[in-house]
Amino acid sequence: MSLSCRPGCAACCIAPSISTPIPGMPQGKPAGVPCVQLDEHLRCKIFGLPSRPAVCGQLAASLEMCGPQDDAGQFARAYLTQLEALTRP
């Protein structure tokens, strides 16, 4: 089941590593580090633009990943952190 991104979460912009260049992060970003493209409202400044990494566009909010509606992204950060650890080379 697909969901809309929840305001103030930004788990997918913090928890996973990104191995491709991001404007302002030419080497990508390590897991657990906030993307430089997050604004003060924890929204992506390059959402929908060609400069946004493909992996970002492929990650969609879901009940499995995001968990309860009212946890401010804690469930999603834990889920993505575990997924990152399980898929680390």
N, C-alpha and C. Protein backbone atom coordinates (compact mmCIF):
# COMPACT_ATOMS: atom_id res chain seq x y z
N MET A 1 0.84 -1.18 0.00
CA MET A 1 0.00 0.00 0.00
C MET A 1 0.89 1.25 0.00
N SER A 2 0.66 2.13 -0.93
CA SER A 2 1.46 3.35 -1.04
C SER A 2 0.81 4.46 -0.23
N LEU A 3 1.65 5.26 0.42
CA LEU A 3 1.20 6.39 1.23
C LEU A 3 1.82 7.67 0.71
N SER A 4 1.32 8.78 1.18
CA SER A 4 1.97 10.06 0.93
C SER A 4 3.05 10.25 1.99
N CYS A 5 4.09 10.98 1.63
CA CYS A 5 5.12 11.29 2.63
C CYS A 5 4.49 12.09 3.76
N ARG A 6 4.98 11.82 4.97
CA ARG A 6 4.45 12.50 6.15
C ARG A 6 5.29 13.74 6.47
N PRO A 7 4.63 14.85 6.73
CA PRO A 7 5.37 16.07 7.06
C PRO A 7 6.29 15.86 8.27
N GLY A 8 7.50 16.38 8.17
CA GLY A 8 8.44 16.32 9.28
C GLY A 8 9.14 14.99 9.47
N CYS A 9 8.97 14.04 8.57
CA CYS A 9 9.60 12.72 8.72
C CYS A 9 11.03 12.73 8.20
N ALA A 10 11.21 12.81 6.89
CA ALA A 10 12.50 12.85 6.20
C ALA A 10 13.38 11.62 6.44
N ALA A 11 12.79 10.52 6.92
CA ALA A 11 13.58 9.31 7.18
C ALA A 11 14.32 8.84 5.93
N CYS A 12 13.67 8.90 4.78
CA CYS A 12 14.30 8.41 3.56
C CYS A 12 15.40 9.35 3.07
N CYS A 13 15.48 10.55 3.62
CA CYS A 13 16.54 11.51 3.27
C CYS A 13 17.66 11.53 4.30
N ILE A 14 17.53 10.69 5.32
CA ILE A 14 18.53 10.63 6.38
C ILE A 14 19.10 9.22 6.53
N ALA A 15 18.24 8.22 6.71
CA ALA A 15 18.69 6.87 7.07
C ALA A 15 19.53 6.15 6.01
N PRO A 16 19.09 6.12 4.74
CA PRO A 16 19.86 5.32 3.77
C PRO A 16 21.08 6.05 3.21
N SER A 17 22.04 5.25 2.76
CA SER A 17 23.16 5.81 2.01
C SER A 17 22.70 6.02 0.57
N ILE A 18 23.34 6.96 -0.10
CA ILE A 18 23.07 7.20 -1.52
C ILE A 18 24.43 7.21 -2.20
N SER A 19 24.62 6.33 -3.15
CA SER A 19 25.94 6.17 -3.77
C SER A 19 26.14 7.02 -5.02
N THR A 20 25.11 7.72 -5.44
CA THR A 20 25.23 8.57 -6.62
C THR A 20 25.30 10.04 -6.20
N PRO A 21 25.84 10.90 -7.07
CA PRO A 21 25.96 12.31 -6.71
C PRO A 21 24.62 12.98 -6.44
N ILE A 22 24.65 13.89 -5.49
CA ILE A 22 23.52 14.75 -5.14
C ILE A 22 24.07 16.17 -5.23
N PRO A 23 23.33 17.12 -5.77
CA PRO A 23 23.84 18.50 -5.76
C PRO A 23 24.25 18.91 -4.34
N GLY A 24 25.50 19.28 -4.19
CA GLY A 24 26.04 19.64 -2.88
C GLY A 24 26.70 18.47 -2.16
N MET A 25 26.52 17.26 -2.68
CA MET A 25 27.15 16.05 -2.11
C MET A 25 27.63 15.20 -3.30
N PRO A 26 28.71 15.60 -3.95
CA PRO A 26 29.14 14.93 -5.18
C PRO A 26 29.52 13.46 -5.01
N GLN A 27 29.83 13.04 -3.80
CA GLN A 27 30.17 11.64 -3.55
C GLN A 27 28.97 10.85 -3.05
N GLY A 28 27.78 11.44 -3.08
CA GLY A 28 26.60 10.80 -2.50
C GLY A 28 26.55 11.12 -1.01
N LYS A 29 25.84 10.30 -0.24
CA LYS A 29 25.77 10.56 1.20
C LYS A 29 25.82 9.26 1.97
N PRO A 30 26.49 9.27 3.11
CA PRO A 30 26.53 8.07 3.95
C PRO A 30 25.22 7.88 4.71
N ALA A 31 24.97 6.67 5.12
CA ALA A 31 23.78 6.35 5.92
C ALA A 31 23.79 7.15 7.21
N GLY A 32 22.62 7.63 7.59
CA GLY A 32 22.48 8.35 8.85
C GLY A 32 22.80 9.83 8.79
N VAL A 33 23.25 10.29 7.64
CA VAL A 33 23.59 11.71 7.47
C VAL A 33 22.45 12.38 6.69
N PRO A 34 21.92 13.49 7.19
CA PRO A 34 20.87 14.18 6.45
C PRO A 34 21.38 14.69 5.11
N CYS A 35 20.57 14.56 4.09
CA CYS A 35 20.90 15.08 2.77
C CYS A 35 20.94 16.61 2.84
N VAL A 36 21.90 17.20 2.12
CA VAL A 36 22.00 18.66 2.10
C VAL A 36 20.83 19.30 1.38
N GLN A 37 20.06 18.52 0.67
CA GLN A 37 18.91 19.06 -0.06
C GLN A 37 17.64 19.11 0.79
N LEU A 38 17.72 18.76 2.05
CA LEU A 38 16.57 18.92 2.95
C LEU A 38 16.46 20.38 3.36
N ASP A 39 15.25 20.92 3.28
CA ASP A 39 15.07 22.30 3.72
C ASP A 39 14.71 22.35 5.20
N GLU A 40 14.44 23.54 5.72
CA GLU A 40 14.15 23.70 7.14
C GLU A 40 12.85 23.02 7.56
N HIS A 41 12.01 22.65 6.60
CA HIS A 41 10.76 21.94 6.89
C HIS A 41 10.90 20.44 6.63
N LEU A 42 12.14 19.97 6.43
CA LEU A 42 12.45 18.57 6.13
C LEU A 42 11.78 18.10 4.84
N ARG A 43 11.80 18.96 3.85
CA ARG A 43 11.30 18.62 2.52
C ARG A 43 12.46 18.70 1.54
N CYS A 44 12.39 17.88 0.51
CA CYS A 44 13.44 17.83 -0.51
C CYS A 44 13.37 19.05 -1.42
N LYS A 45 14.49 19.77 -1.53
CA LYS A 45 14.55 20.95 -2.38
C LYS A 45 14.64 20.59 -3.86
N ILE A 46 15.01 19.34 -4.18
CA ILE A 46 15.15 18.95 -5.59
C ILE A 46 14.12 17.90 -6.00
N PHE A 47 13.06 17.75 -5.21
CA PHE A 47 11.99 16.79 -5.52
C PHE A 47 11.44 17.08 -6.92
N GLY A 48 11.38 16.04 -7.74
CA GLY A 48 10.85 16.17 -9.09
C GLY A 48 11.81 16.73 -10.13
N LEU A 49 13.01 17.11 -9.71
CA LEU A 49 13.98 17.66 -10.65
C LEU A 49 14.90 16.55 -11.18
N PRO A 50 15.45 16.71 -12.37
CA PRO A 50 16.35 15.69 -12.93
C PRO A 50 17.61 15.47 -12.09
N SER A 51 18.00 16.45 -11.29
CA SER A 51 19.20 16.31 -10.47
C SER A 51 18.97 15.44 -9.23
N ARG A 52 17.74 15.09 -8.95
CA ARG A 52 17.43 14.22 -7.81
C ARG A 52 17.88 12.80 -8.16
N PRO A 53 18.61 12.13 -7.26
CA PRO A 53 19.07 10.77 -7.55
C PRO A 53 17.90 9.81 -7.84
N ALA A 54 18.10 8.93 -8.80
CA ALA A 54 17.06 7.97 -9.19
C ALA A 54 16.58 7.15 -7.99
N VAL A 55 17.49 6.76 -7.12
CA VAL A 55 17.11 5.95 -5.97
C VAL A 55 16.09 6.67 -5.09
N CYS A 56 16.18 7.98 -5.02
CA CYS A 56 15.22 8.75 -4.21
C CYS A 56 13.82 8.67 -4.82
N GLY A 57 13.75 8.75 -6.13
CA GLY A 57 12.47 8.67 -6.80
C GLY A 57 11.86 7.28 -6.75
N GLN A 58 12.69 6.26 -6.56
CA GLN A 58 12.20 4.88 -6.52
C GLN A 58 11.72 4.46 -5.13
N LEU A 59 12.10 5.20 -4.11
CA LEU A 59 11.69 4.86 -2.75
C LEU A 59 10.35 5.52 -2.47
N ALA A 60 9.33 4.70 -2.25
CA ALA A 60 7.98 5.21 -2.03
C ALA A 60 7.52 4.90 -0.61
N ALA A 61 6.85 5.85 -0.02
CA ALA A 61 6.29 5.64 1.32
C ALA A 61 5.30 4.48 1.30
N SER A 62 5.36 3.64 2.33
CA SER A 62 4.42 2.52 2.45
C SER A 62 4.16 2.28 3.93
N LEU A 63 3.06 1.63 4.22
CA LEU A 63 2.72 1.33 5.61
C LEU A 63 3.80 0.45 6.24
N GLU A 64 4.34 -0.50 5.48
CA GLU A 64 5.39 -1.37 6.00
C GLU A 64 6.63 -0.57 6.42
N MET A 65 7.01 0.41 5.62
CA MET A 65 8.21 1.19 5.90
C MET A 65 7.94 2.31 6.91
N CYS A 66 6.81 2.95 6.81
CA CYS A 66 6.55 4.17 7.59
C CYS A 66 5.91 3.92 8.95
N GLY A 67 5.19 2.82 9.09
CA GLY A 67 4.60 2.49 10.38
C GLY A 67 3.49 3.42 10.80
N PRO A 68 3.29 3.56 12.12
CA PRO A 68 2.18 4.35 12.66
C PRO A 68 2.20 5.80 12.19
N GLN A 69 1.05 6.36 12.01
CA GLN A 69 0.88 7.72 11.51
C GLN A 69 1.51 8.77 12.43
N ASP A 70 1.53 8.54 13.72
CA ASP A 70 1.86 9.60 14.67
C ASP A 70 3.22 9.45 15.34
N ASP A 71 4.17 8.79 14.72
CA ASP A 71 5.46 8.59 15.40
C ASP A 71 6.58 9.51 14.92
N ALA A 72 6.27 10.51 14.10
CA ALA A 72 7.24 11.51 13.63
C ALA A 72 8.45 10.91 12.91
N GLY A 73 8.25 9.80 12.21
CA GLY A 73 9.31 9.21 11.41
C GLY A 73 10.25 8.26 12.13
N GLN A 74 10.05 8.05 13.42
CA GLN A 74 10.95 7.16 14.17
C GLN A 74 10.91 5.73 13.63
N PHE A 75 9.71 5.22 13.35
CA PHE A 75 9.58 3.86 12.82
C PHE A 75 10.29 3.76 11.48
N ALA A 76 10.05 4.72 10.59
CA ALA A 76 10.66 4.70 9.25
C ALA A 76 12.18 4.77 9.34
N ARG A 77 12.72 5.62 10.21
CA ARG A 77 14.18 5.70 10.36
C ARG A 77 14.75 4.38 10.84
N ALA A 78 14.08 3.74 11.81
CA ALA A 78 14.56 2.44 12.31
C ALA A 78 14.47 1.38 11.21
N TYR A 79 13.39 1.36 10.47
CA TYR A 79 13.19 0.39 9.39
C TYR A 79 14.27 0.56 8.32
N LEU A 80 14.47 1.80 7.89
CA LEU A 80 15.46 2.05 6.84
C LEU A 80 16.89 1.83 7.32
N THR A 81 17.16 2.11 8.57
CA THR A 81 18.49 1.85 9.14
C THR A 81 18.76 0.35 9.15
N GLN A 82 17.76 -0.43 9.52
CA GLN A 82 17.92 -1.90 9.52
C GLN A 82 18.10 -2.41 8.09
N LEU A 83 17.31 -1.90 7.16
CA LEU A 83 17.43 -2.31 5.77
C LEU A 83 18.82 -1.95 5.22
N GLU A 84 19.30 -0.79 5.57
CA GLU A 84 20.66 -0.37 5.16
C GLU A 84 21.70 -1.36 5.68
N ALA A 85 21.59 -1.75 6.94
CA ALA A 85 22.56 -2.70 7.54
C ALA A 85 22.47 -4.07 6.87
N LEU A 86 21.27 -4.51 6.56
CA LEU A 86 21.09 -5.83 5.94
C LEU A 86 21.59 -5.88 4.51
N THR A 87 21.65 -4.74 3.83
CA THR A 87 22.06 -4.73 2.42
C THR A 87 23.46 -4.15 2.22
N ARG A 88 24.15 -3.86 3.29
CA ARG A 88 25.52 -3.32 3.18
C ARG A 88 26.42 -4.37 2.56
N PRO A 89 27.26 -3.98 1.58
CA PRO A 89 28.16 -4.96 0.94
C PRO A 89 29.20 -5.50 1.91
